[in-house]
């Protein structure tokens, strides 16, 4: 079974700050996640570690492009 974890609220807020809007298209374009995964993040429910790792990699790329 895949390892899951709960993402700290401050990290979810930082991820949200980089989204132009919380839409299916922006979630996929920015973080390659679904609305279901975003809802889990937002609501403090656990997600797979591999999913969080992918989100964080994409988040770092967004930060690098903005710099």
Protein backbone atom coordinates (compact mmCIF):
# COMPACT_ATOMS: atom_id res chain seq x y z
CA UNK A 1 0.00 0.00 0.00
CA UNK A 2 1.22 3.49 -0.83
CA UNK A 3 2.53 5.67 1.96
CA UNK A 4 0.30 8.67 2.66
CA UNK A 5 0.79 11.88 4.58
CA UNK A 6 -1.04 15.04 5.49
CA UNK A 7 0.31 18.29 4.03
CA UNK A 8 0.75 21.23 6.43
CA UNK A 9 -1.78 24.01 5.92
CA UNK A 10 0.90 26.66 5.31
CA UNK A 11 2.28 24.62 2.39
CA UNK A 12 -1.21 24.28 0.89
CA UNK A 13 -1.57 28.06 1.15
CA UNK A 14 1.76 28.58 -0.65
CA UNK A 15 0.69 26.16 -3.39
CA UNK A 16 -2.61 28.03 -3.72
CA UNK A 17 -0.78 31.36 -4.03
CA UNK A 18 0.93 30.11 -7.21
CA UNK A 19 -2.33 29.09 -8.89
CA UNK A 20 -3.91 31.66 -11.20
CA UNK A 21 -7.29 30.10 -10.26
CA UNK A 22 -8.45 26.85 -8.71
CA UNK A 23 -9.73 25.23 -11.88
CA UNK A 24 -9.23 21.79 -13.37
CA UNK A 25 -6.99 23.27 -16.05
CA UNK A 26 -4.76 25.31 -13.74
CA UNK A 27 -4.42 22.48 -11.22
CA UNK A 28 -3.25 20.15 -13.94
CA UNK A 29 -1.06 22.70 -15.73
CA UNK A 30 0.67 23.88 -12.54
CA UNK A 31 0.87 20.74 -10.40
CA UNK A 32 -0.38 17.84 -12.56
CA UNK A 33 -3.10 17.03 -10.02
CA UNK A 34 -6.86 16.56 -10.17
CA UNK A 35 -9.55 18.51 -8.39
CA UNK A 36 -9.99 15.49 -6.11
CA UNK A 37 -6.36 15.67 -5.01
CA UNK A 38 -6.64 19.43 -4.50
CA UNK A 39 -9.75 18.91 -2.35
CA UNK A 40 -7.84 16.43 -0.19
CA UNK A 41 -4.98 18.91 0.21
CA UNK A 42 -7.34 21.76 1.02
CA UNK A 43 -9.30 19.68 3.54
CA UNK A 44 -6.23 18.33 5.33
CA UNK A 45 -6.72 14.74 4.19
CA UNK A 46 -3.78 12.46 3.41
CA UNK A 47 -2.37 12.08 -0.10
CA UNK A 48 0.27 9.72 -1.49
CA UNK A 49 3.87 10.67 -0.79
CA UNK A 50 4.71 10.27 -4.50
CA UNK A 51 1.96 12.74 -5.39
CA UNK A 52 3.31 15.30 -2.92
CA UNK A 53 6.82 14.83 -4.30
CA UNK A 54 5.54 15.53 -7.83
CA UNK A 55 3.64 18.61 -6.61
CA UNK A 56 6.71 19.97 -4.85
CA UNK A 57 8.92 19.44 -7.92
CA UNK A 58 6.46 21.37 -10.05
CA UNK A 59 6.13 24.06 -7.36
CA UNK A 60 9.92 24.54 -7.36
CA UNK A 61 9.85 24.92 -11.15
CA UNK A 62 7.13 27.58 -10.86
CA UNK A 63 9.26 29.48 -8.33
CA UNK A 64 12.33 29.23 -10.55
CA UNK A 65 10.43 30.61 -13.55
CA UNK A 66 9.13 33.51 -11.47
CA UNK A 67 12.63 34.47 -10.27
